[in-house]
Amino acid sequence: MDNRRLSKEKQVFVLAALSEGTPIRAIARMLKTEKYVITRIIRETGAAFADYMDAEFRDLRCARIEMDEQWQYVGIHAGRMPKPKTVWEKRDKTGGDFWLWACIDADTKLVLSHKIGKRDYWTGREFVEDVRERVNGPVQIATDNYKPYPSLIRGAFGYEGFSFGTETKIFGEPEMLDGTLARFGRNEGVRKMVTAERKAVIGSPQLESLTTSHIERVFLSVRQELKRFQRKGLGYSKDLETHKVAVALHFGVYNFVRKHTTLGTTPAVAAGIEIELWGLERVVEMTAGYLRKKEDAKFEDAFAKLA
């Protein structure tokens, strides 16, 4: 594999195409280049965005935040993974079912924290603690009725300075297009939401503004625009590390580049993190600066070992 790199203009084109859900092989064919050139842009830009958001998303003044999880698999469905033949054989922890945990500021639409992992207590603990480190001041927290959330939030946020409630959406029987009930199978028909039950768990949250609809709408955008999350397709991630940086790239473009319709600007500008919205040229420059910083760090580390 050579060290071929695209020009800045072509890198901008690649990022624009990826943001619109264009497959990697299709982009490679349009630019008459190799697949690994495109995947390298995904890895480098995703890592740069993850580093930048980790550093900048601190001391955020949020009035309302929402947390939720979204499922997707990596490599293979969990039910199809080969089972260990002996008690000493270890399971493959880099494939199977994984969950995207994400937190959004309901007012600025900023996705201030996300994490890829299993849907278990330990991943949830790391995620909620990361959210706590980024939020400053009193905040109202909304989640669904996932059972570990109350203990996770209490452990991370303590006993004062926040309120917490849950919203549970209740759906009716699946219906066909003509309004009749669907009886043909599990995937037939569409379930319509009947009502949403809101409940205060800790403190006194404002139930009229307590909702998880904003983070669920973000997850819809993930399904539509990030082909790795598309159902019943072949665009799923084949390895976990690429999956993580691809998600970071998506949220980086969402937070800094794409103008939000209801805001009229980007979430990063609405949250006061940036002065103006970014162009994809700025993203390419940010990635180049991140790579230079990594190379300088390697050089300094090697020089320190020789000294």
Protein backbone atom coordinates (compact mmCIF):
# COMPACT_ATOMS: atom_id res chain seq x y z
CA MET A 1 0.00 0.00 0.00
CA ASP A 2 1.47 3.32 -1.01
CA ASN A 3 1.09 6.62 0.82
CA ARG A 4 -1.21 8.16 -1.77
CA ARG A 5 -3.15 11.21 -0.56
CA LEU A 6 -5.82 13.24 -2.26
CA SER A 7 -5.67 16.99 -2.76
CA LYS A 8 -7.55 19.27 -0.39
CA GLU A 9 -10.33 19.79 -2.94
CA LYS A 10 -10.82 16.05 -3.38
CA GLN A 11 -10.78 15.48 0.38
CA VAL A 12 -13.59 18.04 0.68
CA PHE A 13 -15.49 16.14 -2.03
CA VAL A 14 -15.00 12.86 -0.15
CA LEU A 15 -16.28 14.33 3.11
CA ALA A 16 -19.29 15.87 1.38
CA ALA A 17 -20.13 12.55 -0.27
CA LEU A 18 -19.72 10.62 2.97
CA SER A 19 -21.96 13.10 4.78
CA GLU A 20 -24.72 12.38 2.26
CA GLY A 21 -24.43 8.62 2.71
CA THR A 22 -22.53 7.77 -0.47
CA PRO A 23 -20.86 4.31 -0.29
CA ILE A 24 -17.07 4.18 -0.01
CA ARG A 25 -16.60 2.14 -3.20
CA ALA A 26 -18.80 4.55 -5.15
CA ILE A 27 -16.64 7.51 -4.05
CA ALA A 28 -13.50 5.60 -4.97
CA ARG A 29 -14.89 4.92 -8.45
CA MET A 30 -15.84 8.57 -8.97
CA LEU A 31 -12.34 9.74 -8.04
CA LYS A 32 -10.63 6.79 -9.77
CA THR A 33 -8.73 5.91 -6.63
CA GLU A 34 -8.54 3.02 -4.17
CA LYS A 35 -10.89 2.14 -1.34
CA TYR A 36 -8.17 2.45 1.32
CA VAL A 37 -7.64 6.12 0.36
CA ILE A 38 -11.26 6.86 1.33
CA THR A 39 -11.17 4.77 4.51
CA ARG A 40 -7.99 6.55 5.59
CA ILE A 41 -9.79 9.90 5.30
CA ILE A 42 -12.57 8.46 7.49
CA ARG A 43 -10.11 7.23 10.13
CA GLU A 44 -8.02 10.41 10.21
CA THR A 45 -10.91 12.88 10.14
CA GLY A 46 -12.94 10.88 12.64
CA ALA A 47 -10.01 10.70 15.05
CA ALA A 48 -9.37 14.44 14.63
CA PHE A 49 -13.02 15.27 15.34
CA ALA A 50 -13.07 12.98 18.38
CA ASP A 51 -9.97 14.71 19.77
CA TYR A 52 -11.32 18.20 19.05
CA MET A 53 -14.77 17.57 20.53
CA ASP A 54 -13.27 15.94 23.62
CA ALA A 55 -11.19 19.06 24.26
CA GLU A 56 -13.79 21.72 23.39
CA PHE A 57 -16.99 20.26 24.84
CA ARG A 58 -16.31 21.29 28.44
CA ASP A 59 -18.12 23.50 30.98
CA LEU A 60 -21.29 23.52 28.89
CA ARG A 61 -24.24 25.47 30.27
CA CYS A 62 -27.14 23.18 29.42
CA ALA A 63 -30.67 23.60 30.77
CA ARG A 64 -32.01 20.32 29.35
CA ILE A 65 -30.15 17.24 28.15
CA GLU A 66 -31.42 13.93 26.79
CA MET A 67 -29.70 10.55 26.75
CA ASP A 68 -30.55 7.43 24.77
CA GLU A 69 -29.01 4.41 22.99
CA GLN A 70 -29.16 3.09 19.41
CA TRP A 71 -28.39 -0.45 18.30
CA GLN A 72 -26.19 -1.61 15.45
CA TYR A 73 -23.94 -4.60 14.86
CA VAL A 74 -20.29 -4.74 13.80
CA GLY A 75 -19.06 -7.53 11.54
CA ILE A 76 -21.82 -10.00 12.37
CA HIS A 77 -25.07 -10.25 14.30
CA ALA A 78 -24.60 -11.40 17.88
CA GLY A 79 -26.90 -14.37 17.30
CA ARG A 80 -24.73 -15.62 14.43
CA MET A 81 -21.39 -15.36 16.20
CA PRO A 82 -19.64 -18.71 16.70
CA LYS A 83 -19.89 -19.90 20.27
CA PRO A 84 -16.74 -20.88 22.21
CA LYS A 85 -16.09 -24.61 21.93
CA THR A 86 -14.38 -24.80 25.32
CA VAL A 87 -14.68 -22.91 28.60
CA TRP A 88 -11.16 -21.50 28.08
CA GLU A 89 -11.86 -20.06 24.63
CA LYS A 90 -12.54 -16.32 24.76
CA ARG A 91 -15.40 -14.67 22.92
CA ASP A 92 -14.68 -12.14 20.20
CA LYS A 93 -15.35 -8.74 21.81
CA THR A 94 -14.80 -6.74 18.62
CA GLY A 95 -17.87 -8.03 16.77
CA GLY A 96 -21.56 -8.54 17.35
CA ASP A 97 -24.11 -6.14 18.79
CA PHE A 98 -22.96 -2.67 19.84
CA TRP A 99 -24.86 0.37 21.04
CA LEU A 100 -24.37 4.05 20.36
CA TRP A 101 -24.92 5.99 23.59
CA ALA A 102 -25.45 9.71 22.94
CA CYS A 103 -26.40 12.86 24.83
CA ILE A 104 -27.89 16.01 23.27
CA ASP A 105 -28.52 19.51 24.55
CA ALA A 106 -32.22 19.92 23.78
CA ASP A 107 -31.96 23.69 23.24
CA THR A 108 -28.83 23.99 21.06
CA LYS A 109 -29.12 20.48 19.52
CA LEU A 110 -25.43 19.89 20.33
CA VAL A 111 -24.49 16.20 20.65
CA LEU A 112 -22.06 16.79 23.48
CA SER A 113 -21.07 13.20 24.26
CA HIS A 114 -21.29 9.79 22.63
CA LYS A 115 -19.84 6.36 23.24
CA ILE A 116 -19.79 3.05 21.36
CA GLY A 117 -20.08 -0.06 23.53
CA LYS A 118 -22.34 -2.73 24.89
CA ARG A 119 -25.69 -1.96 26.47
CA ASP A 120 -24.57 -2.82 29.97
CA TYR A 121 -24.00 -1.12 33.31
CA TRP A 122 -20.26 -0.55 32.84
CA THR A 123 -20.54 1.14 29.45
CA GLY A 124 -23.44 3.20 30.74
CA ARG A 125 -21.40 4.26 33.75
CA GLU A 126 -18.51 5.50 31.61
CA PHE A 127 -20.93 7.34 29.33
CA VAL A 128 -22.91 9.09 32.08
CA GLU A 129 -19.72 10.07 33.91
CA ASP A 130 -18.38 11.58 30.68
CA VAL A 131 -21.60 13.59 30.31
CA ARG A 132 -21.23 14.82 33.89
CA GLU A 133 -17.69 16.06 33.19
CA ARG A 134 -18.93 18.19 30.28
CA VAL A 135 -22.03 19.79 31.84
CA ASN A 136 -21.71 22.70 34.26
CA GLY A 137 -24.56 24.09 36.34
CA PRO A 138 -28.12 22.93 37.08
CA VAL A 139 -29.54 20.67 34.41
CA GLN A 140 -32.68 18.68 33.66
CA ILE A 141 -32.02 15.13 32.43
CA ALA A 142 -34.43 13.06 30.34
CA THR A 143 -34.06 9.38 29.39
CA ASP A 144 -36.24 6.43 28.52
CA ASN A 145 -37.14 3.83 31.15
CA TYR A 146 -33.91 1.81 30.83
CA LYS A 147 -33.54 0.49 34.38
CA PRO A 148 -29.84 1.30 35.11
CA TYR A 149 -30.26 5.04 34.37
CA PRO A 150 -31.43 6.17 37.85
CA SER A 151 -28.45 4.60 39.65
CA LEU A 152 -26.02 5.68 36.91
CA ILE A 153 -27.20 9.30 37.01
CA ARG A 154 -27.26 9.40 40.80
CA GLY A 155 -23.74 8.00 40.95
CA ALA A 156 -22.35 10.48 38.42
CA PHE A 157 -24.30 13.65 39.28
CA GLY A 158 -24.55 13.23 43.05
CA TYR A 159 -27.53 14.40 45.08
CA GLU A 160 -28.13 18.02 44.06
CA GLY A 161 -27.89 20.43 41.13
CA PHE A 162 -30.01 18.40 38.71
CA SER A 163 -33.44 16.89 38.12
CA PHE A 164 -34.18 13.66 36.31
CA GLY A 165 -37.25 12.15 34.69
CA THR A 166 -38.21 9.50 32.17
CA GLU A 167 -40.45 9.46 29.10
CA THR A 168 -42.01 6.17 28.01
CA LYS A 169 -43.68 6.10 24.61
CA ILE A 170 -46.61 3.70 24.29
CA PHE A 171 -47.46 2.31 20.85
CA GLY A 172 -50.62 0.61 19.67
CA GLU A 173 -51.08 -2.48 17.53
CA PRO A 174 -49.38 -2.44 14.09
CA GLU A 175 -51.70 -1.22 11.34
CA MET A 176 -51.74 -1.64 7.57
CA LEU A 177 -52.13 1.27 5.13
CA ASP A 178 -55.90 0.85 5.05
CA GLY A 179 -56.16 1.15 8.84
CA THR A 180 -56.74 -2.55 9.56
CA LEU A 181 -54.63 -4.37 12.12
CA ALA A 182 -51.62 -6.27 10.79
CA ARG A 183 -51.74 -10.00 11.51
CA PHE A 184 -49.29 -11.35 8.95
CA GLY A 185 -46.02 -11.27 10.86
CA ARG A 186 -43.70 -9.50 13.23
CA ASN A 187 -42.43 -6.97 10.66
CA GLU A 188 -45.77 -6.16 9.04
CA GLY A 189 -47.59 -2.90 9.58
CA VAL A 190 -46.67 0.32 11.37
CA ARG A 191 -47.13 1.01 15.06
CA LYS A 192 -48.53 4.45 15.88
CA MET A 193 -47.69 6.14 19.15
CA VAL A 194 -50.73 6.31 21.43
CA THR A 195 -49.33 8.38 24.29
CA ALA A 196 -46.13 9.29 26.15
CA GLU A 197 -45.91 8.81 29.90
CA ARG A 198 -43.60 11.27 31.68
CA LYS A 199 -42.46 10.58 35.21
CA ALA A 200 -40.25 12.47 37.68
CA VAL A 201 -37.56 10.21 39.19
CA ILE A 202 -35.15 12.59 40.96
CA GLY A 203 -35.93 16.17 41.93
CA SER A 204 -38.70 18.16 40.25
CA PRO A 205 -38.24 18.18 36.47
CA GLN A 206 -40.67 20.17 34.30
CA LEU A 207 -42.75 17.36 32.83
CA GLU A 208 -44.13 19.55 30.03
CA SER A 209 -40.59 19.95 28.61
CA LEU A 210 -39.33 16.49 29.57
CA THR A 211 -38.84 14.48 26.36
CA THR A 212 -36.37 12.26 24.50
CA SER A 213 -37.67 13.25 21.06
CA HIS A 214 -34.61 15.34 20.17
CA ILE A 215 -32.06 12.56 20.71
CA GLU A 216 -34.36 10.11 18.91
CA ARG A 217 -34.47 12.51 15.95
CA VAL A 218 -30.68 12.57 15.93
CA PHE A 219 -30.68 8.77 15.81
CA LEU A 220 -33.00 8.94 12.80
CA SER A 221 -30.41 11.13 11.05
CA VAL A 222 -27.75 8.57 11.94
CA ARG A 223 -29.82 5.80 10.34
CA GLN A 224 -30.45 7.86 7.21
CA GLU A 225 -27.03 9.45 6.64
CA LEU A 226 -24.53 6.99 8.13
CA LYS A 227 -24.81 3.87 6.00
CA ARG A 228 -23.11 1.78 8.68
CA PHE A 229 -26.37 2.03 10.62
CA GLN A 230 -28.68 1.27 7.70
CA ARG A 231 -30.87 -1.76 8.35
CA LYS A 232 -30.82 -4.81 6.08
CA GLY A 233 -27.90 -3.57 4.01
CA LEU A 234 -24.27 -4.46 3.36
CA GLY A 235 -22.80 -1.14 4.50
CA TYR A 236 -22.32 -2.20 8.13
CA SER A 237 -18.93 -1.71 9.78
CA LYS A 238 -16.54 -4.62 9.46
CA ASP A 239 -14.30 -3.64 12.37
CA LEU A 240 -14.95 -1.82 15.64
CA GLU A 241 -12.27 0.89 15.42
CA THR A 242 -13.45 2.10 12.01
CA HIS A 243 -17.00 2.06 13.33
CA LYS A 244 -16.04 4.38 16.20
CA VAL A 245 -14.21 6.95 14.07
CA ALA A 246 -16.99 6.91 11.44
CA VAL A 247 -19.50 7.82 14.16
CA ALA A 248 -17.18 10.57 15.43
CA LEU A 249 -16.92 11.92 11.86
CA HIS A 250 -20.70 11.96 11.52
CA PHE A 251 -21.23 13.86 14.77
CA GLY A 252 -18.39 16.24 13.95
CA VAL A 253 -20.07 17.25 10.70
CA TYR A 254 -23.43 17.40 12.50
CA ASN A 255 -22.11 19.70 15.27
CA PHE A 256 -19.81 21.99 13.29
CA VAL A 257 -20.65 21.93 9.57
CA ARG A 258 -24.30 21.20 8.85
CA LYS A 259 -26.74 24.04 9.48
CA HIS A 260 -29.64 22.97 11.68
CA THR A 261 -33.01 23.94 10.20
CA THR A 262 -34.69 25.11 13.41
CA LEU A 263 -31.59 26.94 14.66
CA GLY A 264 -30.52 28.61 11.42
CA THR A 265 -26.93 27.79 12.32
CA THR A 266 -24.86 24.87 13.58
CA PRO A 267 -25.25 23.42 17.09
CA ALA A 268 -21.67 24.40 17.95
CA VAL A 269 -22.41 28.06 17.16
CA ALA A 270 -25.72 27.92 19.06
CA ALA A 271 -23.89 26.52 22.09
CA GLY A 272 -21.28 29.30 21.97
CA ILE A 273 -18.39 26.95 21.19
CA GLU A 274 -17.71 28.42 17.72
CA ILE A 275 -18.22 31.91 16.32
CA GLU A 276 -19.26 30.80 12.82
CA LEU A 277 -20.17 27.59 11.07
CA TRP A 278 -17.41 25.51 9.52
CA GLY A 279 -16.89 24.61 5.89
CA LEU A 280 -15.48 21.23 4.96
CA GLU A 281 -12.23 23.02 4.05
CA ARG A 282 -11.89 23.90 7.74
CA VAL A 283 -12.41 20.23 8.59
CA VAL A 284 -9.55 19.21 6.27
CA GLU A 285 -7.30 21.84 7.85
CA MET A 286 -8.25 20.71 11.36
CA THR A 287 -7.39 17.12 10.44
CA ALA A 288 -4.02 18.16 9.01
CA GLY A 289 -3.21 20.02 12.23
CA TYR A 290 -4.20 16.98 14.28
CA LEU A 291 -1.91 14.73 12.23
CA ARG A 292 0.99 17.18 12.58
CA LYS A 293 0.47 17.24 16.33
CA LYS A 294 0.59 13.44 16.45
CA GLU A 295 3.80 13.34 14.40
CA ASP A 296 5.42 15.97 16.64
CA ALA A 297 4.44 13.96 19.71
CA LYS A 298 6.02 10.81 18.24
CA PHE A 299 9.21 12.71 17.41
CA GLU A 300 9.44 14.21 20.91
CA ASP A 301 8.83 10.82 22.50
CA ALA A 302 11.52 9.18 20.35
CA PHE A 303 13.96 12.03 21.10
CA ALA A 304 13.27 11.71 24.85
CA LYS A 305 14.11 8.00 24.75
CA LEU A 306 17.45 8.71 23.02
CA ALA A 307 18.40 11.45 25.50
